[in-house]
């Protein structure tokens, strides 16, 4: 960790039920120094297991659990698996564009996604203003990967662009699509990172006990942050 990050001031939230493992309690450490809110320092914080929610930078700080492990994929070394190649072949009808803002008709797609996939989560019921606050950052370059089938919007992947890496922040998609749109969004983000000559694509936290997250480990080679050491 760089010298300026060795003594990070953080505040701790209260314990509350975990969003991913409901039988457990969670809390997070939130950075308190506004000077850390820039792309250079945020990239260093990502390397140390932090993420963002809106303009808030945080990392899990649970009393009795360490299930959340940051995961990143080595962009230059990534090669799609056989199953990922099959999904890419099935997705020949998909068109995609990287845009600085979301299409005006994004909210109905997001609402359908939350209703179908995350009705028990903290983002239900879907609220436009709350999601905008969650996704937006005033100090990062954030791009929005749009996926279309026959000119119909089917997915948006929000991506933070950093000096040497990118962070897959959040993806929502048509829950009724026969295509594996979440996987395809990551594959396209990896291709974009390769074009931009980035070293890493950060995929957020991996929780082995949470089946919904298991798709992340299928992108190889990857590394997990275990006891503050990246292990691959």
Protein backbone atom coordinates (compact mmCIF):
# COMPACT_ATOMS: atom_id res chain seq x y z
CA UNK A 1 0.00 0.00 0.00
CA UNK A 2 1.30 3.45 -0.86
CA UNK A 3 2.45 5.67 2.06
CA UNK A 4 -0.52 8.05 1.72
CA UNK A 5 -2.92 5.12 2.18
CA UNK A 6 -1.20 3.43 5.11
CA UNK A 7 -3.21 5.34 7.70
CA UNK A 8 -6.71 5.50 6.24
CA UNK A 9 -9.33 7.05 8.50
CA UNK A 10 -12.51 4.97 8.43
CA UNK A 11 -15.87 4.95 10.12
CA UNK A 12 -17.75 1.74 10.91
CA UNK A 13 -21.43 1.20 10.25
CA UNK A 14 -23.68 -0.60 12.72
CA UNK A 15 -24.16 -4.33 12.33
CA UNK A 16 -27.15 -5.32 10.20
CA UNK A 17 -28.37 -8.49 8.43
CA UNK A 18 -26.13 -9.48 5.53
CA UNK A 19 -27.58 -8.97 2.05
CA UNK A 20 -25.97 -12.18 0.76
CA UNK A 21 -25.86 -14.51 3.76
CA UNK A 22 -29.06 -13.60 5.68
CA UNK A 23 -28.20 -15.71 8.71
CA UNK A 24 -25.14 -13.53 9.36
CA UNK A 25 -24.55 -9.91 10.34
CA UNK A 26 -22.48 -7.47 8.33
CA UNK A 27 -20.93 -4.06 8.69
CA UNK A 28 -18.56 -2.03 6.55
CA UNK A 29 -15.66 0.36 7.00
CA UNK A 30 -16.17 3.65 5.15
CA UNK A 31 -13.28 5.94 4.20
CA UNK A 32 -13.52 9.40 5.74
CA UNK A 33 -10.83 11.32 3.83
CA UNK A 34 -12.22 13.26 0.83
CA UNK A 35 -8.69 13.43 -0.64
CA UNK A 36 -8.93 9.73 -1.50
CA UNK A 37 -11.79 10.35 -3.90
CA UNK A 38 -9.95 10.38 -7.22
CA UNK A 39 -9.15 7.72 -9.78
CA UNK A 40 -5.51 7.21 -8.70
CA UNK A 41 -6.27 6.62 -5.03
CA UNK A 42 -9.45 4.67 -5.73
CA UNK A 43 -7.48 2.25 -7.91
CA UNK A 44 -5.07 1.73 -5.02
CA UNK A 45 -8.01 1.19 -2.68
CA UNK A 46 -9.47 -1.38 -5.08
CA UNK A 47 -6.14 -3.21 -4.83
CA UNK A 48 -6.74 -3.34 -1.07
CA UNK A 49 -10.28 -4.69 -1.18
CA UNK A 50 -12.37 -1.51 -1.23
CA UNK A 51 -15.34 -0.75 -3.50
CA UNK A 52 -17.64 2.20 -3.96
CA UNK A 53 -21.36 2.87 -3.62
CA UNK A 54 -22.07 6.20 -5.26
CA UNK A 55 -19.33 8.45 -3.90
CA UNK A 56 -18.84 6.35 -0.75
CA UNK A 57 -15.76 4.10 -0.61
CA UNK A 58 -16.09 1.07 1.67
CA UNK A 59 -14.98 -2.48 2.39
CA UNK A 60 -16.50 -5.29 4.46
CA UNK A 61 -15.49 -5.18 8.12
CA UNK A 62 -17.58 -7.92 9.70
CA UNK A 63 -16.96 -9.13 13.25
CA UNK A 64 -17.22 -12.88 12.66
CA UNK A 65 -17.13 -13.39 8.90
CA UNK A 66 -14.60 -13.02 6.09
CA UNK A 67 -16.64 -14.58 3.28
CA UNK A 68 -16.38 -11.52 0.99
CA UNK A 69 -13.20 -11.70 -1.07
CA UNK A 70 -12.37 -9.14 -3.75
CA UNK A 71 -11.83 -10.76 -7.14
CA UNK A 72 -10.04 -9.49 -10.25
CA UNK A 73 -9.27 -10.93 -13.68
CA UNK A 74 -5.94 -10.53 -15.45
CA UNK A 75 -6.92 -8.87 -18.72
CA UNK A 76 -3.79 -9.66 -20.83
CA UNK A 77 -3.92 -13.32 -19.77
CA UNK A 78 -7.67 -13.89 -20.07
CA UNK A 79 -8.91 -16.45 -22.56
CA UNK A 80 -12.61 -17.44 -22.73
CA UNK A 81 -13.50 -20.99 -21.73
CA UNK A 82 -15.34 -23.35 -24.07
CA UNK A 83 -18.69 -22.50 -22.49
CA UNK A 84 -17.94 -18.76 -22.68
CA UNK A 85 -17.04 -19.14 -26.35
CA UNK A 86 -20.38 -20.90 -26.92
CA UNK A 87 -22.22 -17.97 -25.32
CA UNK A 88 -20.29 -15.56 -27.51
CA UNK A 89 -21.28 -17.55 -30.59
CA UNK A 90 -24.94 -17.54 -29.53
CA UNK A 91 -24.76 -13.79 -29.03
CA UNK A 92 -23.99 -12.88 -32.63
CA UNK A 93 -27.26 -10.91 -32.76
CA UNK A 94 -26.16 -8.63 -29.92
CA UNK A 95 -24.94 -5.12 -30.68
CA UNK A 96 -23.17 -3.11 -27.99
CA UNK A 97 -22.13 0.47 -27.39
CA UNK A 98 -20.12 2.16 -24.66
CA UNK A 99 -21.75 5.46 -23.67
CA UNK A 100 -21.07 8.23 -21.11
CA UNK A 101 -24.69 8.15 -19.90
CA UNK A 102 -27.50 5.61 -19.79
CA UNK A 103 -30.23 5.56 -22.44
CA UNK A 104 -33.37 7.39 -21.40
CA UNK A 105 -35.36 4.14 -21.27
CA UNK A 106 -33.07 2.38 -18.78
CA UNK A 107 -35.39 2.37 -15.77
CA UNK A 108 -38.10 -0.08 -16.99
CA UNK A 109 -35.35 -2.62 -17.75
CA UNK A 110 -33.77 -2.09 -14.32
CA UNK A 111 -37.15 -2.38 -12.59
CA UNK A 112 -37.92 -5.70 -14.34
CA UNK A 113 -34.50 -7.01 -13.35
CA UNK A 114 -34.92 -6.12 -9.67
CA UNK A 115 -38.48 -7.47 -9.58
CA UNK A 116 -37.36 -10.80 -11.05
CA UNK A 117 -33.92 -11.32 -9.49
CA UNK A 118 -33.60 -9.27 -6.30
CA UNK A 119 -37.04 -8.94 -4.76
CA UNK A 120 -35.61 -9.87 -1.36
CA UNK A 121 -32.68 -7.47 -1.59
CA UNK A 122 -32.01 -3.95 -0.38
CA UNK A 123 -32.67 -2.43 -3.82
CA UNK A 124 -36.31 -3.54 -3.82
CA UNK A 125 -38.59 -1.87 -4.61
CA UNK A 126 -36.73 -0.34 -7.58
CA UNK A 127 -36.42 3.45 -7.29
CA UNK A 128 -34.99 5.60 -10.05
CA UNK A 129 -33.50 8.30 -7.84
CA UNK A 130 -31.95 5.79 -5.42
CA UNK A 131 -30.28 3.84 -8.20
CA UNK A 132 -28.97 7.01 -9.82
CA UNK A 133 -27.41 8.01 -6.48
CA UNK A 134 -25.95 4.48 -6.09
CA UNK A 135 -24.44 4.32 -9.60
CA UNK A 136 -23.14 7.85 -10.09
CA UNK A 137 -19.74 9.12 -8.99
CA UNK A 138 -18.63 12.73 -9.21
CA UNK A 139 -14.91 11.92 -9.20
CA UNK A 140 -14.57 8.90 -11.50
CA UNK A 141 -14.84 8.28 -15.21
CA UNK A 142 -17.83 5.96 -15.44
CA UNK A 143 -18.98 4.44 -18.72
CA UNK A 144 -22.17 2.53 -19.50
CA UNK A 145 -21.98 -0.55 -21.69
CA UNK A 146 -25.32 -0.99 -23.52
CA UNK A 147 -26.32 -4.30 -25.09
CA UNK A 148 -29.07 -4.47 -27.74
CA UNK A 149 -30.92 -7.22 -29.59
CA UNK A 150 -32.67 -5.97 -32.73
CA UNK A 151 -32.28 -2.40 -31.41
CA UNK A 152 -34.00 -3.33 -28.13
CA UNK A 153 -32.06 -2.56 -24.95
CA UNK A 154 -31.42 -5.80 -23.03
CA UNK A 155 -28.59 -4.97 -20.61
CA UNK A 156 -26.47 -2.20 -19.15
CA UNK A 157 -23.12 -2.78 -17.44
CA UNK A 158 -21.77 0.16 -15.44
CA UNK A 159 -17.97 0.31 -15.63
CA UNK A 160 -15.53 2.54 -13.77
CA UNK A 161 -12.46 3.35 -15.87
CA UNK A 162 -9.20 3.74 -13.94
CA UNK A 163 -5.58 4.43 -14.94
CA UNK A 164 -4.46 0.78 -15.15
CA UNK A 165 -7.66 -1.16 -14.61
CA UNK A 166 -11.44 -1.07 -14.75
CA UNK A 167 -14.11 -2.02 -12.24
CA UNK A 168 -17.32 -3.82 -13.21
CA UNK A 169 -19.56 -1.82 -10.89
CA UNK A 170 -23.08 -3.14 -11.57
CA UNK A 171 -24.99 -4.89 -14.34
CA UNK A 172 -28.72 -5.26 -14.92
CA UNK A 173 -30.43 -7.03 -17.79
CA UNK A 174 -33.58 -8.52 -19.26
CA UNK A 175 -34.42 -11.37 -16.83
CA UNK A 176 -36.37 -13.23 -19.53
CA UNK A 177 -33.58 -13.34 -22.10
CA UNK A 178 -32.37 -16.83 -23.12
CA UNK A 179 -28.86 -15.38 -23.40
CA UNK A 180 -26.47 -15.32 -20.45
CA UNK A 181 -26.38 -11.52 -20.45
CA UNK A 182 -24.44 -11.13 -17.19
CA UNK A 183 -21.65 -13.35 -18.48
CA UNK A 184 -21.69 -11.64 -21.88
CA UNK A 185 -21.41 -8.21 -20.25
CA UNK A 186 -18.24 -9.30 -18.41
CA UNK A 187 -16.79 -10.82 -21.59
CA UNK A 188 -17.34 -7.56 -23.46
CA UNK A 189 -15.88 -5.54 -20.59
CA UNK A 190 -12.79 -7.75 -20.71
CA UNK A 191 -12.51 -7.12 -24.46
CA UNK A 192 -12.82 -3.37 -23.88
CA UNK A 193 -10.15 -3.53 -21.16
CA UNK A 194 -7.85 -5.36 -23.57
CA UNK A 195 -8.34 -2.65 -26.17
CA UNK A 196 -7.59 0.01 -23.56
CA UNK A 197 -4.52 -1.96 -22.41
CA UNK A 198 -5.72 -2.33 -18.82
CA UNK A 199 -4.11 -4.86 -16.50
CA UNK A 200 -7.12 -5.84 -14.38
CA UNK A 201 -10.89 -6.00 -14.44
CA UNK A 202 -12.26 -5.96 -10.88
CA UNK A 203 -15.47 -7.96 -10.46
CA UNK A 204 -16.38 -6.94 -6.92
CA UNK A 205 -16.68 -9.41 -4.06
CA UNK A 206 -16.84 -13.16 -4.43
CA UNK A 207 -18.74 -15.15 -1.78
CA UNK A 208 -18.25 -18.87 -2.32
CA UNK A 209 -21.36 -19.68 -0.26
CA UNK A 210 -23.54 -17.49 -2.48
CA UNK A 211 -24.49 -19.42 -5.67
CA UNK A 212 -25.49 -16.22 -7.51
CA UNK A 213 -21.85 -15.11 -7.44
CA UNK A 214 -20.24 -18.30 -8.68
CA UNK A 215 -20.12 -17.06 -12.28
CA UNK A 216 -17.26 -14.71 -11.34
CA UNK A 217 -14.71 -17.47 -10.72
CA UNK A 218 -15.29 -18.82 -14.24
CA UNK A 219 -13.30 -15.94 -15.72
CA UNK A 220 -9.71 -17.19 -15.69
CA UNK A 221 -7.04 -16.46 -14.66
CA UNK A 222 -8.34 -14.58 -11.66
CA UNK A 223 -7.06 -13.60 -8.25
CA UNK A 224 -8.81 -13.33 -4.87
CA UNK A 225 -7.72 -11.03 -2.09
CA UNK A 226 -7.22 -13.35 0.91
CA UNK A 227 -5.83 -11.87 4.15
CA UNK A 228 -4.63 -8.82 2.18
CA UNK A 229 -2.71 -10.90 -0.36
CA UNK A 230 -3.81 -11.50 -3.94
CA UNK A 231 -3.84 -15.23 -4.61
CA UNK A 232 -4.40 -16.84 -8.00
